[in-house]
């Protein structure tokens, strides 16, 4: 039952990721930047570009989509390559990244248990 649920989640996640990729590609290609106002979130432009080049449905968990934007003290890096995105796209991207991170952690735990 847990295996079936995990497989269904991966299918939904892959579909969501593909839809999200299309939205971000449109934003990158667009001449009109999203106004970084109240409903916009900042993400690393370089992270998004790298994600768009990766295999469909995959997401890197090595660094977050926002890690390149802040210094160790939590302030914005002045010259960081960033883009403003609508909040709803940020929430979808965040959810996919968190799910991928959980999957990596779960796989590592399973491998550790198998080795014992």
Foldseek 3Di string as FASTA:
>chain_A
DVVVVVVVVLVVLLVLQVVLLVVVVCQVPDPDADPQDDQKDKFQPVLSVVSNPDDRSDHDLPDARHPQQADPVGDGDVPGRMGIDGNVSVVSSVVSNVVNVVVVVVVVVVVVVVVD
